[in-house]
Structure formats: C-alpha cells, structure tokens
PDB file of N, CA and C in Angstrom:
ATOM      1  N   MET A   1      -3.596 -27.665 153.505  1.00  0.00           N
ATOM      2  CA  MET A   1      -4.205 -27.759 152.195  1.00  0.00           C
ATOM      3  C   MET A   1      -3.104 -27.675 151.151  1.00  0.00           C
ATOM      4  N   SER A   2      -3.153 -28.582 150.214  1.00  0.00           N
ATOM      5  CA  SER A   2      -2.172 -28.597 149.137  1.00  0.00           C
ATOM      6  C   SER A   2      -2.803 -28.023 147.874  1.00  0.00           C
ATOM      7  N   PHE A   3      -2.300 -26.871 147.478  1.00  0.00           N
ATOM      8  CA  PHE A   3      -2.833 -26.251 146.267  1.00  0.00           C
ATOM      9  C   PHE A   3      -2.455 -27.043 145.023  1.00  0.00           C
ATOM     10  N   ALA A   4      -1.392 -27.813 145.090  1.00  0.00           N
ATOM     11  CA  ALA A   4      -0.961 -28.602 143.941  1.00  0.00           C
ATOM     12  C   ALA A   4      -1.894 -29.783 143.687  1.00  0.00           C
ATOM     13  N   ALA A   5      -2.654 -30.188 144.695  1.00  0.00           N
ATOM     14  CA  ALA A   5      -3.528 -31.350 144.546  1.00  0.00           C
ATOM     15  C   ALA A   5      -4.826 -31.017 143.820  1.00  0.00           C
ATOM     16  N   LEU A   6      -5.181 -29.737 143.742  1.00  0.00           N
ATOM     17  CA  LEU A   6      -6.442 -29.331 143.116  1.00  0.00           C
ATOM     18  C   LEU A   6      -6.172 -28.542 141.842  1.00  0.00           C
ATOM     19  N   PRO A   7      -7.116 -28.568 140.916  1.00  0.00           N
ATOM     20  CA  PRO A   7      -6.941 -27.775 139.698  1.00  0.00           C
ATOM     21  C   PRO A   7      -6.981 -26.276 140.015  1.00  0.00           C
ATOM     22  N   PRO A   8      -6.328 -25.452 139.210  1.00  0.00           N
ATOM     23  CA  PRO A   8      -6.269 -24.019 139.473  1.00  0.00           C
ATOM     24  C   PRO A   8      -7.643 -23.362 139.549  1.00  0.00           C
ATOM     25  N   GLU A   9      -8.609 -23.874 138.804  1.00  0.00           N
ATOM     26  CA  GLU A   9      -9.947 -23.287 138.827  1.00  0.00           C
ATOM     27  C   GLU A   9     -10.578 -23.423 140.209  1.00  0.00           C
ATOM     28  N   LEU A  10     -10.383 -24.570 140.840  1.00  0.00           N
ATOM     29  CA  LEU A  10     -10.927 -24.780 142.184  1.00  0.00           C
ATOM     30  C   LEU A  10     -10.187 -23.927 143.211  1.00  0.00           C
ATOM     31  N   ASN A  11      -8.872 -23.859 143.099  1.00  0.00           N
ATOM     32  CA  ASN A  11      -8.102 -23.025 144.028  1.00  0.00           C
ATOM     33  C   ASN A  11      -8.545 -21.574 143.945  1.00  0.00           C
ATOM     34  N   SER A  12      -8.699 -21.071 142.736  1.00  0.00           N
ATOM     35  CA  SER A  12      -9.115 -19.685 142.540  1.00  0.00           C
ATOM     36  C   SER A  12     -10.515 -19.456 143.103  1.00  0.00           C
ATOM     37  N   ALA A  13     -11.421 -20.377 142.853  1.00  0.00           N
ATOM     38  CA  ALA A  13     -12.793 -20.243 143.353  1.00  0.00           C
ATOM     39  C   ALA A  13     -12.818 -20.239 144.881  1.00  0.00           C
ATOM     40  N   GLN A  14     -11.998 -21.073 145.503  1.00  0.00           N
ATOM     41  CA  GLN A  14     -11.958 -21.116 146.964  1.00  0.00           C
ATOM     42  C   GLN A  14     -11.381 -19.828 147.545  1.00  0.00           C
ATOM     43  N   ILE A  15     -10.404 -19.247 146.860  1.00  0.00           N
ATOM     44  CA  ILE A  15      -9.831 -17.987 147.336  1.00  0.00           C
ATOM     45  C   ILE A  15     -10.859 -16.869 147.242  1.00  0.00           C
ATOM     46  N   TYR A  16     -11.551 -16.779 146.116  1.00  0.00           N
ATOM     47  CA  TYR A  16     -12.533 -15.708 145.933  1.00  0.00           C
ATOM     48  C   TYR A  16     -13.773 -15.887 146.803  1.00  0.00           C
ATOM     49  N   ALA A  17     -14.089 -17.121 147.194  1.00  0.00           N
ATOM     50  CA  ALA A  17     -15.262 -17.381 148.025  1.00  0.00           C
ATOM     51  C   ALA A  17     -14.884 -17.448 149.500  1.00  0.00           C
ATOM     52  N   GLY A  18     -13.745 -16.915 149.859  1.00  0.00           N
ATOM     53  CA  GLY A  18     -13.226 -16.995 151.227  1.00  0.00           C
ATOM     54  C   GLY A  18     -14.049 -16.214 152.229  1.00  0.00           C
ATOM     55  N   ALA A  19     -13.459 -15.971 153.347  1.00  0.00           N
ATOM     56  CA  ALA A  19     -14.145 -15.359 154.481  1.00  0.00           C
ATOM     57  C   ALA A  19     -14.463 -13.887 154.274  1.00  0.00           C
ATOM     58  N   GLY A  20     -13.860 -13.263 153.292  1.00  0.00           N
ATOM     59  CA  GLY A  20     -14.121 -11.845 153.055  1.00  0.00           C
ATOM     60  C   GLY A  20     -13.282 -10.955 153.960  1.00  0.00           C
ATOM     61  N   THR A  21     -13.743  -9.727 154.149  1.00  0.00           N
ATOM     62  CA  THR A  21     -12.961  -8.755 154.911  1.00  0.00           C
ATOM     63  C   THR A  21     -13.260  -8.785 156.408  1.00  0.00           C
ATOM     64  N   GLY A  22     -14.267  -9.520 156.823  1.00  0.00           N
ATOM     65  CA  GLY A  22     -14.664  -9.545 158.234  1.00  0.00           C
ATOM     66  C   GLY A  22     -13.542  -9.882 159.201  1.00  0.00           C
ATOM     67  N   PRO A  23     -12.848 -11.007 159.016  1.00  0.00           N
ATOM     68  CA  PRO A  23     -11.780 -11.353 159.951  1.00  0.00           C
ATOM     69  C   PRO A  23     -10.636 -10.332 159.964  1.00  0.00           C
ATOM     70  N   LEU A  24     -10.322  -9.771 158.806  1.00  0.00           N
ATOM     71  CA  LEU A  24      -9.250  -8.780 158.749  1.00  0.00           C
ATOM     72  C   LEU A  24      -9.641  -7.510 159.498  1.00  0.00           C
ATOM     73  N   LEU A  25     -10.869  -7.062 159.332  1.00  0.00           N
ATOM     74  CA  LEU A  25     -11.338  -5.869 160.041  1.00  0.00           C
ATOM     75  C   LEU A  25     -11.418  -6.118 161.546  1.00  0.00           C
ATOM     76  N   SER A  26     -11.812  -7.312 161.927  1.00  0.00           N
ATOM     77  CA  SER A  26     -11.870  -7.665 163.343  1.00  0.00           C
ATOM     78  C   SER A  26     -10.471  -7.663 163.961  1.00  0.00           C
ATOM     79  N   ALA A  27      -9.509  -8.220 163.242  1.00  0.00           N
ATOM     80  CA  ALA A  27      -8.132  -8.228 163.739  1.00  0.00           C
ATOM     81  C   ALA A  27      -7.592  -6.808 163.856  1.00  0.00           C
ATOM     82  N   ALA A  28      -7.898  -5.956 162.889  1.00  0.00           N
ATOM     83  CA  ALA A  28      -7.433  -4.566 162.937  1.00  0.00           C
ATOM     84  C   ALA A  28      -8.016  -3.842 164.149  1.00  0.00           C
ATOM     85  N   ALA A  29      -9.278  -4.085 164.441  1.00  0.00           N
ATOM     86  CA  ALA A  29      -9.903  -3.461 165.610  1.00  0.00           C
ATOM     87  C   ALA A  29      -9.246  -3.952 166.899  1.00  0.00           C
ATOM     88  N   SER A  30      -8.903  -5.223 166.949  1.00  0.00           N
ATOM     89  CA  SER A  30      -8.227  -5.767 168.132  1.00  0.00           C
ATOM     90  C   SER A  30      -6.855  -5.139 168.317  1.00  0.00           C
ATOM     91  N   TRP A  31      -6.114  -4.968 167.223  1.00  0.00           N
ATOM     92  CA  TRP A  31      -4.795  -4.330 167.311  1.00  0.00           C
ATOM     93  C   TRP A  31      -4.926  -2.878 167.747  1.00  0.00           C
ATOM     94  N   ASP A  32      -5.955  -2.188 167.283  1.00  0.00           N
ATOM     95  CA  ASP A  32      -6.184  -0.805 167.721  1.00  0.00           C
ATOM     96  C   ASP A  32      -6.433  -0.747 169.226  1.00  0.00           C
ATOM     97  N   GLY A  33      -7.223  -1.685 169.731  1.00  0.00           N
ATOM     98  CA  GLY A  33      -7.488  -1.735 171.169  1.00  0.00           C
ATOM     99  C   GLY A  33      -6.228  -2.015 171.967  1.00  0.00           C
ATOM    100  N   LEU A  34      -5.410  -2.935 171.474  1.00  0.00           N
ATOM    101  CA  LEU A  34      -4.157  -3.250 172.153  1.00  0.00           C
ATOM    102  C   LEU A  34      -3.224  -2.040 172.155  1.00  0.00           C
ATOM    103  N   ALA A  35      -3.153  -1.333 171.040  1.00  0.00           N
ATOM    104  CA  ALA A  35      -2.307  -0.133 170.965  1.00  0.00           C
ATOM    105  C   ALA A  35      -2.783   0.927 171.948  1.00  0.00           C
ATOM    106  N   ALA A  36      -4.085   1.078 172.096  1.00  0.00           N
ATOM    107  CA  ALA A  36      -4.624   2.060 173.040  1.00  0.00           C
ATOM    108  C   ALA A  36      -4.260   1.683 174.477  1.00  0.00           C
ATOM    109  N   GLU A  37      -4.334   0.394 174.802  1.00  0.00           N
ATOM    110  CA  GLU A  37      -3.974  -0.049 176.151  1.00  0.00           C
ATOM    111  C   GLU A  37      -2.489   0.155 176.423  1.00  0.00           C
ATOM    112  N   TRP A  38      -1.645  -0.145 175.453  1.00  0.00           N
ATOM    113  CA  TRP A  38      -0.205   0.047 175.637  1.00  0.00           C
ATOM    114  C   TRP A  38       0.127   1.525 175.772  1.00  0.00           C
ATOM    115  N   SER A  39      -0.561   2.353 175.026  1.00  0.00           N
ATOM    116  CA  SER A  39      -0.338   3.795 175.112  1.00  0.00           C
ATOM    117  C   SER A  39      -0.721   4.309 176.499  1.00  0.00           C
ATOM    118  N   ALA A  40      -1.846   3.838 177.013  1.00  0.00           N
ATOM    119  CA  ALA A  40      -2.275   4.244 178.357  1.00  0.00           C
ATOM    120  C   ALA A  40      -1.269   3.765 179.405  1.00  0.00           C
ATOM    121  N   GLY A  41      -0.755   2.567 179.230  1.00  0.00           N
ATOM    122  CA  GLY A  41       0.255   2.058 180.155  1.00  0.00           C
ATOM    123  C   GLY A  41       1.530   2.884 180.116  1.00  0.00           C
ATOM    124  N   ALA A  42       1.948   3.275 178.931  1.00  0.00           N
ATOM    125  CA  ALA A  42       3.151   4.105 178.805  1.00  0.00           C
ATOM    126  C   ALA A  42       2.940   5.465 179.456  1.00  0.00           C
ATOM    127  N   ARG A  43       1.747   6.028 179.294  1.00  0.00           N
ATOM    128  CA  ARG A  43       1.455   7.318 179.930  1.00  0.00           C
ATOM    129  C   ARG A  43       1.487   7.190 181.451  1.00  0.00           C
ATOM    130  N   SER A  44       0.988   6.087 181.981  1.00  0.00           N
ATOM    131  CA  SER A  44       0.986   5.923 183.438  1.00  0.00           C
ATOM    132  C   SER A  44       2.409   5.773 183.969  1.00  0.00           C
ATOM    133  N   PHE A  45       3.281   5.115 183.215  1.00  0.00           N
ATOM    134  CA  PHE A  45       4.672   5.003 183.642  1.00  0.00           C
ATOM    135  C   PHE A  45       5.371   6.354 183.590  1.00  0.00           C
ATOM    136  N   SER A  46       5.094   7.150 182.571  1.00  0.00           N
ATOM    137  CA  SER A  46       5.759   8.451 182.478  1.00  0.00           C
ATOM    138  C   SER A  46       5.224   9.414 183.532  1.00  0.00           C
ATOM    139  N   ALA A  47       4.033   9.161 184.053  1.00  0.00           N
ATOM    140  CA  ALA A  47       3.456  10.033 185.075  1.00  0.00           C
ATOM    141  C   ALA A  47       4.058   9.777 186.455  1.00  0.00           C
ATOM    142  N   THR A  48       4.817   8.702 186.610  1.00  0.00           N
ATOM    143  CA  THR A  48       5.389   8.394 187.919  1.00  0.00           C
ATOM    144  C   THR A  48       6.536   9.320 188.275  1.00  0.00           C
ATOM    145  N   GLY A  49       7.155   9.935 187.308  1.00  0.00           N
ATOM    146  CA  GLY A  49       8.232  10.886 187.580  1.00  0.00           C
ATOM    147  C   GLY A  49       9.592  10.231 187.625  1.00  0.00           C
ATOM    148  N   VAL A  50      10.577  11.010 187.986  1.00  0.00           N
ATOM    149  CA  VAL A  50      11.966  10.559 188.030  1.00  0.00           C
ATOM    150  C   VAL A  50      12.300  10.116 189.445  1.00  0.00           C
ATOM    151  N   LEU A  51      13.072   9.058 189.551  1.00  0.00           N
ATOM    152  CA  LEU A  51      13.508   8.591 190.866  1.00  0.00           C
ATOM    153  C   LEU A  51      14.503   9.584 191.455  1.00  0.00           C
ATOM    154  N   THR A  52      14.310   9.959 192.712  1.00  0.00           N
ATOM    155  CA  THR A  52      15.204  10.928 193.352  1.00  0.00           C
ATOM    156  C   THR A  52      15.953  10.337 194.536  1.00  0.00           C
ATOM    157  N   HIS A  53      15.759   9.078 194.798  1.00  0.00           N
ATOM    158  CA  HIS A  53      16.450   8.424 195.900  1.00  0.00           C
ATOM    159  C   HIS A  53      17.944   8.354 195.571  1.00  0.00           C
ATOM    160  N   PRO A  54      18.827   8.533 196.579  1.00  0.00           N
ATOM    161  CA  PRO A  54      20.273   8.502 196.300  1.00  0.00           C
ATOM    162  C   PRO A  54      20.745   7.202 195.642  1.00  0.00           C
ATOM    163  N   LEU A  55      20.133   6.079 195.985  1.00  0.00           N
ATOM    164  CA  LEU A  55      20.557   4.816 195.387  1.00  0.00           C
ATOM    165  C   LEU A  55      20.217   4.739 193.905  1.00  0.00           C
ATOM    166  N   SER A  56      19.246   5.526 193.456  1.00  0.00           N
ATOM    167  CA  SER A  56      18.896   5.488 192.042  1.00  0.00           C
ATOM    168  C   SER A  56      19.947   6.187 191.194  1.00  0.00           C
ATOM    169  N   GLN A  57      20.861   6.923 191.811  1.00  0.00           N
ATOM    170  CA  GLN A  57      21.897   7.643 191.081  1.00  0.00           C
ATOM    171  C   GLN A  57      23.175   6.817 190.932  1.00  0.00           C
ATOM    172  N   MET A  58      23.199   5.633 191.530  1.00  0.00           N
ATOM    173  CA  MET A  58      24.401   4.802 191.450  1.00  0.00           C
ATOM    174  C   MET A  58      24.543   4.218 190.057  1.00  0.00           C
ATOM    175  N   SER A  59      25.778   4.102 189.583  1.00  0.00           N
ATOM    176  CA  SER A  59      25.992   3.493 188.275  1.00  0.00           C
ATOM    177  C   SER A  59      26.593   2.135 188.404  1.00  0.00           C
TER     178      SER A  59
END
C-alpha cells in the first residue's frame, strides 16, 4: 500500500478503523505461551545434572 497515493484524510481514517487491539493481544498471548514452553525446557535441561563421565572432563 502506498500512503503517498491517497490523501491524508483517507490514510488517517484507515489507520483509525484498523483491526484494533485483538491481533496485538493474540500475539502477546502466543509469545507468553512460547516463553512458558522455553522456560520448561530450560528447567528440564538443568534437572539432568552435571556430566561425571571422565571424557566429559577433557578440554
């Protein structure tokens, strides 16, 4: 969409008549869910403990 092709009154009206807050709130909820899953994954990795095999001590 080219904003330069339309008069400013139409551009402003289209912005104000947009989708509203619904899509933004939906995206925020999705990001919250993703953060919760990543947090659970990090906790499961930290629960595995430290490697004690002799080969894990090699540099």
